[in-house]
Protein backbone atom coordinates (compact mmCIF):
# COMPACT_ATOMS: atom_id res chain seq x y z
CA MET A 1 29.26 -12.84 8.02
CA SER A 2 25.81 -13.56 6.60
CA SER A 3 23.69 -16.52 7.58
CA ARG A 4 23.05 -18.80 4.63
CA HIS A 5 21.25 -22.09 4.83
CA GLY A 6 19.57 -24.44 2.41
CA TYR A 7 16.22 -26.03 3.11
CA GLY A 8 15.29 -29.63 3.59
CA ALA A 9 11.90 -31.15 2.81
CA PRO A 10 9.72 -30.41 5.85
CA PRO A 11 6.58 -32.30 4.72
CA ALA A 12 8.39 -35.63 5.13
CA SER A 13 8.77 -34.99 8.87
CA MET A 14 5.33 -33.46 9.33
CA PRO A 15 3.49 -34.96 12.34
CA ARG A 16 0.77 -37.46 11.44
CA SER A 17 -1.85 -35.26 13.15
CA VAL A 18 -0.89 -32.34 10.92
CA GLN A 19 -1.09 -34.51 7.80
CA VAL A 20 -4.60 -35.54 8.80
CA LEU A 21 -5.67 -31.93 9.26
CA ILE A 22 -4.20 -30.86 5.93
CA GLY A 23 -5.97 -33.83 4.37
CA LEU A 24 -9.25 -32.52 5.71
CA LEU A 25 -8.54 -29.21 4.00
CA ALA A 26 -7.99 -31.01 0.72
CA VAL A 27 -11.42 -32.61 1.04
CA VAL A 28 -12.93 -29.18 1.63
CA ALA A 29 -11.08 -27.72 -1.36
CA VAL A 30 -12.28 -30.50 -3.68
CA GLY A 31 -15.82 -29.82 -2.53
CA GLY A 32 -15.44 -26.22 -3.68
CA THR A 33 -16.00 -24.59 -0.28
CA ALA A 34 -14.85 -20.96 -0.32
CA ALA A 35 -14.75 -20.49 3.46
CA PHE A 36 -14.42 -22.99 6.30
CA ALA A 37 -16.98 -22.80 9.10
CA VAL A 38 -16.29 -23.75 12.71
CA THR A 39 -18.60 -23.10 15.66
CA PHE A 40 -17.78 -21.88 19.16
CA LYS A 41 -19.53 -21.32 22.48
CA SER A 42 -17.00 -20.18 25.09
CA VAL A 43 -13.33 -19.48 25.67
CA ARG A 44 -11.20 -21.58 28.00
CA ASP A 45 -7.50 -22.29 28.18
CA LYS A 46 -7.40 -25.89 26.97
CA GLY A 47 -3.75 -26.13 25.97
CA GLU A 48 -3.66 -29.05 23.52
CA LEU A 49 -6.25 -29.21 20.79
CA GLY A 50 -8.50 -32.21 20.50
CA ALA A 51 -8.29 -34.55 17.51
CA SER A 52 -12.01 -34.65 16.63
CA ALA A 53 -11.58 -32.46 13.58
CA VAL A 54 -14.59 -33.75 11.68
CA THR A 55 -16.88 -33.35 14.69
CA ALA A 56 -15.45 -29.91 15.43
CA ALA A 57 -16.11 -28.76 11.91
CA THR A 58 -19.80 -29.58 12.06
CA ALA A 59 -20.98 -29.46 15.66
CA THR A 60 -23.48 -26.83 16.76
CA SER A 61 -25.90 -26.41 19.63
CA CYS A 62 -27.76 -23.33 18.36
CA GLU A 63 -30.42 -22.89 15.74
CA ASN A 64 -29.08 -19.49 14.65
CA PRO A 65 -25.34 -19.31 15.31
CA GLU A 66 -23.62 -15.94 14.85
CA THR A 67 -21.09 -15.99 12.03
CA VAL A 68 -17.78 -14.38 12.96
CA THR A 69 -15.84 -13.55 9.78
CA VAL A 70 -12.05 -13.76 9.68
CA ALA A 71 -9.88 -12.30 6.93
CA ALA A 72 -6.50 -14.04 6.99
CA ASP A 73 -3.38 -13.40 4.97
CA PRO A 74 -3.34 -16.09 2.24
CA SER A 75 -0.02 -17.47 3.49
CA ILE A 76 -1.54 -18.57 6.81
CA ALA A 77 -5.19 -19.15 5.87
CA SER A 78 -4.94 -22.89 5.25
CA GLY A 79 -3.16 -23.45 8.57
CA LEU A 80 -5.76 -21.33 10.30
CA GLU A 81 -8.54 -23.47 8.86
CA ALA A 82 -6.80 -26.68 9.92
CA VAL A 83 -6.29 -25.50 13.49
CA ALA A 84 -9.85 -24.25 13.76
CA ALA A 85 -11.15 -27.57 12.50
CA ALA A 86 -9.38 -29.40 15.35
CA ILE A 87 -10.93 -27.43 18.21
CA PRO A 88 -12.80 -29.90 20.50
CA ALA A 89 -16.53 -30.26 20.08
CA THR A 90 -17.00 -29.32 23.74
CA GLU A 91 -15.97 -25.79 22.85
CA LEU A 92 -18.54 -25.41 20.11
CA GLY A 93 -21.85 -23.67 20.46
CA CYS A 94 -23.51 -20.48 19.41
CA SER A 95 -20.95 -18.86 17.11
CA SER A 96 -19.63 -19.79 13.69
CA LEU A 97 -16.19 -18.78 12.40
CA SER A 98 -15.81 -18.23 8.65
CA VAL A 99 -12.22 -17.90 7.38
CA THR A 100 -11.44 -16.23 4.05
CA PRO A 101 -7.94 -15.76 2.53
CA GLN A 102 -7.47 -12.08 1.69
CA ASP A 103 -4.47 -9.90 0.91
CA PRO A 104 -4.05 -7.26 3.66
CA VAL A 105 -4.29 -4.36 1.22
CA LEU A 106 -7.77 -5.57 0.21
CA THR A 107 -8.79 -5.90 3.86
CA VAL A 108 -7.67 -2.31 4.47
CA ALA A 109 -9.91 -1.20 1.60
CA ALA A 110 -12.82 -3.24 3.02
CA ILE A 111 -12.36 -1.61 6.42
CA ALA A 112 -12.40 1.85 4.83
CA ASP A 113 -15.57 0.93 2.91
CA GLY A 114 -17.35 -0.19 6.08
CA SER A 115 -17.33 -3.88 5.16
CA ALA A 116 -14.66 -5.00 7.61
CA PRO A 117 -14.43 -8.61 8.79
CA ALA A 118 -15.00 -9.24 12.49
CA LEU A 119 -11.44 -10.56 12.91
CA TRP A 120 -8.28 -9.96 10.92
CA ILE A 121 -4.93 -11.78 10.77
CA PRO A 122 -2.63 -9.85 8.38
CA ASP A 123 0.98 -10.90 7.89
CA SER A 124 2.36 -7.89 9.76
CA SER A 125 1.46 -5.53 12.61
CA GLU A 126 2.37 -2.78 10.16
CA TRP A 127 -1.12 -3.14 8.70
CA LEU A 128 -2.81 -2.64 12.07
CA ASP A 129 -0.72 0.48 12.64
CA LYS A 130 -1.77 1.88 9.26
CA VAL A 131 -5.46 1.30 9.95
CA SER A 132 -5.16 2.79 13.45
CA ALA A 133 -3.43 5.86 12.00
CA SER A 134 -6.41 6.39 9.69
CA GLY A 135 -8.73 6.68 12.71
CA GLN A 136 -10.27 3.19 12.54
CA GLU A 137 -10.62 1.25 15.78
CA ILE A 138 -8.35 -1.77 16.22
CA ARG A 139 -8.85 -4.22 19.09
CA ARG A 140 -5.78 -6.43 19.42
CA ILE A 141 -6.53 -9.99 20.50
CA SER A 142 -3.04 -11.41 19.98
CA ASN A 143 0.23 -9.65 19.15
CA SER A 144 1.39 -12.68 17.19
CA VAL A 145 0.05 -16.14 16.40
CA ALA A 146 3.02 -17.10 14.18
CA SER A 147 6.08 -15.53 12.60
CA THR A 148 8.49 -15.83 9.69
CA PRO A 149 11.53 -13.74 8.76
CA VAL A 150 11.93 -12.00 5.41
CA VAL A 151 14.76 -13.58 3.43
CA THR A 152 16.49 -13.19 0.09
CA VAL A 153 16.52 -16.08 -2.38
CA SER A 154 19.12 -16.63 -5.07
CA ALA A 155 20.91 -19.32 -7.04
CA PRO A 156 23.57 -21.51 -5.40
CA GLY A 157 26.97 -19.87 -5.28
CA SER A 158 25.61 -16.33 -5.17
CA GLU A 159 27.27 -14.09 -2.60
CA ALA A 160 25.08 -13.58 0.45
CA PRO A 161 24.27 -9.94 1.26
CA ALA A 162 26.35 -8.48 4.08
CA VAL A 163 23.82 -5.72 4.81
CA TRP A 164 20.34 -4.85 3.62
CA THR A 165 21.58 -1.99 1.43
CA ASP A 166 23.37 -4.73 -0.54
CA VAL A 167 19.96 -6.30 -1.10
CA LEU A 168 18.50 -3.02 -2.35
CA GLY A 169 21.42 -2.67 -4.74
CA ALA A 170 21.37 -6.25 -5.99
CA PRO A 171 21.20 -6.62 -9.78
CA ALA A 172 17.99 -8.21 -11.08
CA LEU A 173 16.25 -7.60 -7.75
CA HIS A 174 12.67 -8.87 -7.55
CA ILE A 175 11.17 -7.06 -4.58
CA GLY A 176 7.48 -6.61 -5.39
CA ASP A 177 5.62 -3.50 -4.32
CA PRO A 178 6.79 -2.01 -0.99
CA LEU A 179 3.71 0.22 -0.92
CA THR A 180 1.21 -2.64 -0.83
CA SER A 181 3.21 -5.48 0.74
CA ALA A 182 4.86 -5.65 4.16
CA VAL A 183 7.18 -8.36 2.83
CA SER A 184 8.32 -6.12 -0.03
CA SER A 185 8.88 -3.12 2.25
CA ALA A 186 10.87 -5.22 4.74
CA PRO A 187 14.30 -4.71 3.06
CA ILE A 188 13.77 -0.95 3.27
CA VAL A 189 12.73 -1.14 6.92
CA ALA A 190 15.68 -3.44 7.67
CA ALA A 191 18.18 -1.15 5.92
CA PHE A 192 17.10 1.84 8.01
CA ALA A 193 17.11 -0.24 11.20
CA GLU A 194 20.68 -1.36 10.46
CA ALA A 195 21.86 2.18 9.75
CA GLN A 196 20.18 3.63 12.83
CA SER A 197 21.67 0.99 15.12
CA ARG A 198 25.16 1.62 13.74
CA GLY A 199 24.93 5.39 13.31
CA GLY A 200 25.29 4.95 9.56
CA ASP A 201 24.42 7.22 6.65
CA LEU A 202 20.66 7.25 6.03
CA THR A 203 20.97 9.23 2.79
CA SER A 204 22.73 6.30 1.12
CA ILE A 205 19.61 4.20 1.66
CA SER A 206 17.40 6.84 0.06
CA ALA A 207 19.79 6.94 -2.90
CA ALA A 208 19.67 3.14 -3.19
CA LEU A 209 15.87 3.29 -3.39
CA VAL A 210 15.86 5.46 -6.54
CA PRO A 211 16.75 2.70 -9.07
CA VAL A 212 14.50 0.25 -7.20
CA ALA A 213 11.58 2.66 -7.48
CA GLN A 214 12.30 3.37 -11.13
CA ALA A 215 12.10 -0.35 -11.85
CA GLN A 216 8.83 -0.61 -9.96
CA TYR A 217 6.60 -0.91 -13.02
CA GLY A 218 8.20 -4.26 -13.81
CA ASN A 219 7.97 -5.36 -10.17
CA LEU A 220 4.21 -4.75 -10.14
CA LYS A 221 3.79 -7.43 -12.81
CA GLU A 222 5.20 -10.11 -10.51
CA THR A 223 2.57 -12.30 -8.90
CA GLY A 224 3.50 -12.14 -5.24
CA SER A 225 6.29 -13.79 -3.29
CA THR A 226 5.97 -17.17 -4.98
CA GLY A 227 6.04 -15.55 -8.41
CA ARG A 228 9.27 -13.77 -7.52
CA ILE A 229 10.87 -17.06 -6.49
CA GLN A 230 9.76 -18.69 -9.74
CA THR A 231 11.31 -15.83 -11.72
CA VAL A 232 14.66 -16.24 -9.95
CA ASP A 233 14.52 -20.02 -10.33
CA ALA A 234 14.06 -19.60 -14.08
CA ASP A 235 16.14 -16.51 -14.87
CA GLY A 236 18.42 -15.82 -11.90
CA GLY A 237 18.63 -12.70 -9.75
CA THR A 238 17.49 -12.12 -6.18
CA ALA A 239 13.98 -12.44 -4.79
CA VAL A 240 12.58 -10.96 -1.59
CA THR A 241 10.21 -13.36 0.15
CA THR A 242 9.68 -15.04 3.52
CA GLU A 243 11.21 -18.14 5.01
CA GLN A 244 7.73 -19.72 5.13
CA THR A 245 6.94 -18.98 1.48
CA PHE A 246 10.31 -20.30 0.35
CA GLU A 247 9.89 -23.49 2.38
CA ALA A 248 6.50 -24.03 0.79
CA TYR A 249 8.05 -23.44 -2.64
CA LEU A 250 10.78 -26.02 -2.03
CA ALA A 251 8.20 -28.53 -0.83
CA ALA A 252 6.49 -28.21 -4.20
CA HIS A 253 9.71 -27.98 -6.26
CA ALA A 254 12.04 -30.66 -4.92
CA ASP A 255 14.48 -30.16 -7.81
CA SER A 256 15.06 -26.47 -7.07
CA ARG A 257 18.59 -25.56 -6.00
CA LEU A 258 17.79 -22.07 -4.77
CA THR A 259 19.01 -21.03 -1.35
CA ALA A 260 17.87 -18.39 1.13
CA SER A 261 19.88 -16.04 3.32
CA VAL A 262 19.71 -12.96 5.53
CA PRO A 263 22.43 -10.49 6.56
CA SER A 264 24.09 -11.18 9.91
CA SER A 265 22.34 -8.15 11.41
CA GLY A 266 19.00 -9.96 11.23
CA SER A 267 15.74 -9.37 9.42
CA VAL A 268 12.23 -8.00 9.67
CA PHE A 269 9.71 -10.58 10.89
CA MET A 270 6.18 -11.01 9.67
CA ASP A 271 4.36 -11.45 12.99
CA TYR A 272 0.72 -12.33 12.10
CA PRO A 273 -1.23 -10.45 14.79
CA MET A 274 -4.93 -11.00 15.40
CA ALA A 275 -7.29 -8.07 15.84
CA GLY A 276 -10.97 -7.27 15.95
CA VAL A 277 -11.76 -4.68 13.28
CA GLY A 278 -15.44 -5.09 12.47
CA ALA A 279 -18.54 -4.71 14.60
CA ASP A 280 -17.63 -5.30 18.25
CA SER A 281 -19.43 -8.29 19.74
CA ALA A 282 -18.88 -10.71 22.59
CA ALA A 283 -19.06 -13.60 20.13
CA ALA A 284 -16.26 -12.16 18.00
CA VAL A 285 -14.04 -11.50 21.02
CA ASP A 286 -14.64 -14.99 22.43
CA ALA A 287 -14.08 -16.65 19.07
CA GLY A 288 -10.90 -14.65 18.51
CA LYS A 289 -9.46 -15.51 21.91
CA LEU A 290 -10.29 -19.19 21.45
CA LEU A 291 -8.73 -19.23 17.99
CA ALA A 292 -5.60 -17.40 19.19
CA ALA A 293 -5.19 -19.91 22.02
CA ALA A 294 -5.61 -22.78 19.57
CA LEU A 295 -3.05 -21.35 17.14
CA THR A 296 -0.42 -20.86 19.85
CA SER A 297 -0.99 -24.22 21.55
CA ASP A 298 1.49 -27.05 20.97
CA THR A 299 -0.66 -28.69 18.32
CA GLY A 300 -1.46 -25.38 16.68
CA ARG A 301 2.24 -24.57 16.49
CA SER A 302 2.86 -28.02 14.98
CA VAL A 303 0.31 -27.39 12.26
CA LEU A 304 1.82 -24.01 11.40
CA ALA A 305 5.37 -25.37 11.63
CA GLY A 306 4.37 -28.00 9.09
CA LEU A 307 3.55 -25.13 6.74
CA GLY A 308 6.92 -23.44 7.37
CA PHE A 309 6.00 -20.95 10.09
CA ARG A 310 7.90 -20.17 13.26
CA GLY A 311 6.13 -19.56 16.53
CA ALA A 312 5.41 -16.15 17.99
CA ASP A 313 8.76 -16.37 19.82
CA GLN A 314 10.56 -16.33 16.44
CA ALA A 315 12.67 -19.36 17.43
CA PRO A 316 14.29 -21.14 14.46
CA PRO A 317 12.68 -24.29 13.09
CA VAL A 318 14.03 -27.67 14.11
CA ALA A 319 15.03 -28.38 10.52
CA GLY A 320 15.52 -26.14 7.49
CA GLY A 321 15.14 -22.39 7.45
CA VAL A 322 17.91 -19.83 7.80
CA GLY A 323 18.62 -20.55 11.44
CA LYS A 324 18.55 -18.04 14.28
CA VAL A 325 17.66 -14.57 13.06
CA GLY A 326 17.68 -11.33 15.04
CA SER A 327 14.70 -9.01 14.71
CA LEU A 328 15.39 -5.63 13.10
CA VAL A 329 13.16 -2.75 14.21
CA PRO A 330 13.92 0.91 13.33
CA SER A 331 14.55 3.16 16.32
CA ASP A 332 12.93 6.03 14.41
CA PRO A 333 10.12 4.68 12.18
CA THR A 334 9.28 8.15 10.85
CA VAL A 335 12.39 7.98 8.68
CA VAL A 336 11.00 4.87 7.00
CA THR A 337 7.61 6.53 6.52
CA LYS A 338 9.23 9.48 4.76
CA ALA A 339 11.36 7.20 2.60
CA LEU A 340 8.33 5.20 1.50
CA ALA A 341 6.46 8.41 0.73
CA ARG A 342 9.33 9.48 -1.51
CA TYR A 343 9.45 5.97 -2.99
CA GLU A 344 5.79 6.27 -3.92
CA ILE A 345 6.45 9.51 -5.78
CA LEU A 346 9.34 7.92 -7.65
CA SER A 347 7.62 4.63 -8.45
CA ARG A 348 4.09 5.64 -9.41
CA PRO A 349 3.37 7.37 -12.70
CA SER A 350 1.74 10.75 -12.29
CA ARG A 351 -1.94 11.37 -12.98
CA ALA A 352 -2.65 15.07 -12.61
CA LEU A 353 -5.23 17.69 -13.52
CA ALA A 354 -3.74 21.14 -14.09
CA VAL A 355 -6.27 23.90 -13.25
CA VAL A 356 -5.08 27.30 -14.52
CA ASP A 357 -6.48 30.71 -13.63
CA VAL A 358 -7.49 32.68 -16.76
CA SER A 359 -9.09 35.63 -14.96
CA GLY A 360 -8.44 39.14 -16.28
CA SER A 361 -5.59 39.85 -13.88
CA MET A 362 -3.50 37.15 -15.58
CA ASP A 363 -2.93 39.69 -18.36
CA TYR A 364 -1.13 42.07 -15.97
CA MET A 365 2.42 42.75 -17.13
CA GLN A 366 5.55 43.07 -15.04
CA ASP A 367 9.10 43.45 -16.33
CA GLY A 368 7.88 42.97 -19.90
CA VAL A 369 6.03 39.70 -19.39
CA THR A 370 2.41 38.96 -18.52
CA ARG A 371 1.44 36.43 -15.88
CA MET A 372 -0.33 34.34 -18.53
CA ALA A 373 2.64 34.36 -20.91
CA ALA A 374 4.91 33.18 -18.09
CA THR A 375 2.35 30.52 -17.14
CA ALA A 376 2.19 29.27 -20.74
CA GLN A 377 5.98 29.06 -20.80
CA ALA A 378 5.96 27.10 -17.53
CA GLY A 379 3.25 24.80 -18.84
CA ASP A 380 5.15 24.12 -22.02
CA ILE A 381 8.25 23.08 -20.06
CA ALA A 382 6.23 20.94 -17.64
CA ILE A 383 4.24 19.14 -20.35
CA ARG A 384 7.45 18.17 -22.10
CA MET A 385 8.85 16.85 -18.79
CA PHE A 386 6.10 14.28 -18.22
CA PRO A 387 7.05 10.76 -19.41
CA ALA A 388 4.87 8.86 -21.86
CA ASN A 389 3.09 6.82 -19.16
CA ALA A 390 2.07 9.92 -17.17
CA GLN A 391 -1.50 11.20 -17.40
CA LEU A 392 -2.36 14.90 -17.52
CA GLY A 393 -5.47 16.97 -18.09
CA LEU A 394 -6.02 20.72 -18.40
CA TRP A 395 -8.81 22.97 -17.10
CA ALA A 396 -9.12 26.74 -17.21
CA PHE A 397 -11.13 28.77 -14.69
CA SER A 398 -12.36 32.31 -14.08
CA ILE A 399 -16.07 33.14 -13.63
CA ASP A 400 -18.81 31.69 -15.82
CA LEU A 401 -16.73 30.01 -18.51
CA GLY A 402 -19.85 28.49 -19.95
CA GLU A 403 -22.61 26.01 -19.09
CA GLY A 404 -23.09 27.64 -15.71
CA THR A 405 -19.63 26.79 -14.32
CA ASP A 406 -16.51 28.76 -13.47
CA TYR A 407 -14.28 26.16 -15.10
CA ARG A 408 -13.90 24.57 -18.52
CA GLU A 409 -12.23 21.32 -19.50
CA LEU A 410 -9.73 22.01 -22.27
CA GLU A 411 -8.22 18.52 -22.38
CA PRO A 412 -9.29 15.42 -20.42
CA VAL A 413 -6.87 13.49 -18.23
CA ALA A 414 -5.12 11.01 -20.53
CA ARG A 415 -1.73 9.41 -21.09
CA MET A 416 0.79 11.62 -22.77
CA ASP A 417 1.32 9.04 -25.54
CA ALA A 418 -2.41 8.49 -26.17
CA THR A 419 -3.18 9.14 -29.83
CA GLU A 420 -6.22 10.42 -31.63
CA GLY A 421 -5.75 10.43 -35.37
CA ASP A 422 -2.24 11.61 -36.11
CA THR A 423 -1.91 13.70 -32.89
CA ASP A 424 -0.86 12.53 -29.45
CA HIS A 425 -2.15 13.90 -26.14
CA ARG A 426 1.08 15.73 -25.39
CA SER A 427 0.79 17.73 -28.60
CA LYS A 428 -2.81 18.64 -27.80
CA LEU A 429 -1.82 19.90 -24.36
CA LEU A 430 1.00 22.00 -25.81
CA SER A 431 -1.42 23.57 -28.25
CA ARG A 432 -3.99 24.26 -25.52
CA ILE A 433 -1.48 25.81 -23.13
CA ASP A 434 -0.30 28.17 -25.88
CA SER A 435 -3.88 29.33 -26.55
CA LEU A 436 -4.83 30.13 -22.93
CA SER A 437 -4.26 33.86 -23.47
CA SER A 438 -7.23 33.90 -25.89
CA ILE A 439 -9.72 33.16 -23.09
CA VAL A 440 -8.31 35.45 -20.39
CA GLY A 441 -10.96 37.64 -18.76
CA GLY A 442 -13.40 37.97 -15.87
CA GLY A 443 -13.04 37.35 -12.16
CA THR A 444 -11.68 34.45 -10.11
CA GLY A 445 -14.08 31.58 -9.40
CA LEU A 446 -11.61 29.76 -7.18
CA TYR A 447 -13.68 27.75 -4.69
CA ASP A 448 -16.14 26.09 -7.06
CA SER A 449 -13.32 25.22 -9.45
CA VAL A 450 -11.16 23.66 -6.72
CA LEU A 451 -14.00 21.47 -5.49
CA ALA A 452 -15.00 20.37 -8.99
CA ALA A 453 -11.42 19.44 -9.88
CA TYR A 454 -10.95 17.51 -6.63
CA ARG A 455 -14.16 15.56 -7.16
CA SER A 456 -13.30 14.80 -10.76
CA MET A 457 -9.92 13.30 -9.83
CA GLN A 458 -11.34 11.35 -6.92
CA GLN A 459 -14.20 9.91 -8.98
CA THR A 460 -11.82 8.79 -11.73
CA TYR A 461 -9.08 7.71 -9.30
CA ASP A 462 -6.35 5.43 -10.66
CA PRO A 463 -4.81 3.33 -7.84
CA ALA A 464 -1.72 2.61 -9.95
CA SER A 465 -0.83 6.31 -10.16
CA ILE A 466 -0.18 9.37 -8.01
CA ASN A 467 -3.43 11.32 -8.42
CA SER A 468 -3.29 15.08 -7.83
CA VAL A 469 -4.68 18.48 -8.73
CA ILE A 470 -2.20 21.24 -9.69
CA LEU A 471 -3.80 24.67 -9.24
CA LEU A 472 -2.25 27.97 -10.38
CA THR A 473 -3.89 31.30 -9.55
CA ASP A 474 -2.98 34.95 -9.10
CA GLY A 475 -6.05 36.03 -7.15
CA ALA A 476 -8.63 35.42 -4.46
CA ASN A 477 -12.12 34.05 -4.94
CA ASP A 478 -14.44 36.86 -6.01
CA ASP A 479 -17.41 34.91 -7.36
CA PRO A 480 -20.40 36.11 -5.29
CA SER A 481 -22.47 33.04 -6.18
CA SER A 482 -19.86 30.42 -5.21
CA ILE A 483 -19.59 28.35 -2.07
CA SER A 484 -17.77 29.95 0.85
CA LEU A 485 -14.25 29.08 1.95
CA GLN A 486 -15.60 27.28 5.01
CA GLU A 487 -18.00 25.28 2.87
CA LEU A 488 -15.12 24.32 0.60
CA LEU A 489 -12.88 23.23 3.48
CA ASP A 490 -15.70 21.35 5.21
CA THR A 491 -16.62 19.54 1.99
CA LEU A 492 -13.01 18.59 1.25
CA THR A 493 -12.68 17.26 4.80
CA ARG A 494 -15.89 15.26 4.53
CA GLU A 495 -15.15 13.80 1.10
CA GLN A 496 -11.55 12.77 1.71
CA ASP A 497 -10.95 9.04 1.33
CA PRO A 498 -7.66 7.63 2.69
CA THR A 499 -7.81 4.88 0.06
CA ARG A 500 -8.21 7.46 -2.76
CA PRO A 501 -5.97 10.41 -1.78
CA VAL A 502 -5.94 13.44 -4.10
CA PRO A 503 -3.48 16.10 -2.87
CA ILE A 504 -4.03 19.59 -4.23
CA ILE A 505 -0.77 21.34 -5.12
CA THR A 506 -1.31 25.10 -5.18
CA ILE A 507 0.81 27.78 -6.82
CA GLY A 508 0.13 31.40 -5.88
CA VAL A 509 1.32 34.02 -8.39
CA THR A 510 2.39 37.45 -7.07
CA ASP A 511 1.14 39.12 -3.90
CA ASP A 512 -2.36 39.27 -5.40
CA ALA A 513 -2.80 35.56 -4.72
CA ASP A 514 -4.62 34.56 -1.53
CA THR A 515 -1.72 32.49 -0.24
CA ASP A 516 -3.30 31.84 3.17
CA VAL A 517 -6.30 30.18 1.52
CA LEU A 518 -4.09 28.23 -0.90
CA GLU A 519 -2.01 26.91 2.00
CA GLN A 520 -5.15 25.78 3.82
CA ILE A 521 -6.42 23.92 0.76
CA SER A 522 -3.08 22.18 0.18
CA ALA A 523 -2.53 21.28 3.82
CA LEU A 524 -6.02 19.84 4.16
CA THR A 525 -5.60 17.51 1.18
CA GLY A 526 -1.99 16.49 1.80
CA GLY A 527 -0.50 18.69 -0.93
CA ASN A 528 2.10 21.45 -0.94
CA SER A 529 1.69 25.18 -1.52
CA HIS A 530 4.15 27.24 -3.57
CA PHE A 531 4.60 30.94 -4.29
CA ALA A 532 5.91 32.80 -7.35
CA PRO A 533 6.51 36.46 -6.37
CA THR A 534 6.82 37.71 -9.96
CA PRO A 535 5.77 36.43 -13.41
CA ALA A 536 9.41 35.66 -14.16
CA ASP A 537 9.40 33.25 -11.23
CA ILE A 538 6.42 31.25 -12.50
CA PRO A 539 8.33 28.77 -14.75
CA LYS A 540 10.83 27.87 -12.05
CA VAL A 541 8.21 27.54 -9.29
CA PHE A 542 5.69 25.71 -11.49
CA VAL A 543 8.19 23.18 -12.76
CA GLY A 544 9.57 22.67 -9.25
CA ALA A 545 6.08 22.10 -7.87
CA ILE A 546 5.18 19.38 -10.37
CA SER A 547 8.60 17.78 -10.91
CA GLY A 548 8.09 15.38 -8.02
CA ARG A 549 4.78 14.28 -9.56
CA ALA A 550 5.98 13.86 -13.11
CA GLY A 551 7.79 10.53 -12.75
């Protein structure tokens, strides 16, 4: 049986000390301060925080204090500022802590760009794992300074979900973007954790994700967890959010009759870890340890509880909330990773650049059909497959196609429904693909063309789409003036950006294709390599290679 509880009005029972601290924040907000500064000197275990918030916020004993920047998930930033402001003046000194609310996905991008904050408190350890996997150094200071379970919110009288697959299949589900939000991905993680613990069918979860992913374009328009709750409050349905966010919503909307629930199996918890991610310094480490101790002290927990958070121990709140909730953690997280990768393919519109070999060998005939004729047939089918919101461009390549390059842009990357005059982009592509045979000739300038296409897609990267290069060739590089294979691979390695991935999908045609090289290029960029043994196989292989990118 599912847990289902309504919420009370927590601010009415908020401790007086917490109200004072929140009041201080209001003063700061009215003054227009973007970040709250607090100074530190050393780290000691003080237990309770002092009450001299005003003194703590301004005291300093150094002429040039070192500023330690902290990026905090917006949901906890105000509580973090309040707790920091209450640290006793005796602990202040030669460092200054500057707290800025920032969505974790933006912090990840800042880390990749080399502009990381000194300290980071995202809403989930999942973010630290992602950054670590990309090769960036993460120095954990605290595994958790607060927690809150992910819950579902619906109108009174709605049937509570028995399992998390029920949530994924709920009509009018408002889930947000699982690819950029740990809260939004939590129902998927929870569903797999449930199935793994019970020996259930994992394929049913993948099937349940298909309609969710296909509705993703509408989900992206929702403005975060609070926006999803507002939508359900106005129009009905089910929203995925956290206990803390819902409690804050009810505090501001006393007339709301929405209720929250979780399946009896439990939920995924947002655990708010603290880590050092920027330049390593003693000041940052000391400030982080002091702040973590303050946040997990009795008074720190009271401040965060007043905002709807649970402690790091995940114990239920004294009043309100959804009660005791078990923590769901997948026994095999790789299954979730694969499911989210598939979800991304299904949910993001495709943005691809097709790069087609027009060297002389493409005119070779086998079983009554030339390689180019079969390629044009495949292209025609594929172009018609792409939906209106997909983007596609077309290049041809051989050797010296003009202007000193081995490649030529035939159509730029644009939406299929983009119009110019009385012709749409899809029609232009169909016309171009049918005329490729008129420019067949010359050798195969593979390496320069691959690099140019990769750079073009990376420089014009669209974060709302799946960006890729689709390369079809029947030969090996034979341009004597081009870069070498090693230079190509080294350059692709050096220029890869985990925040702007551009997989290269390669299609080798007949045994003349250098399949070993094509496999290296695809593997290096995160793409797949395919092989069409005869011209007759090209349509089937080509369409199969791009079908996963066409949605």
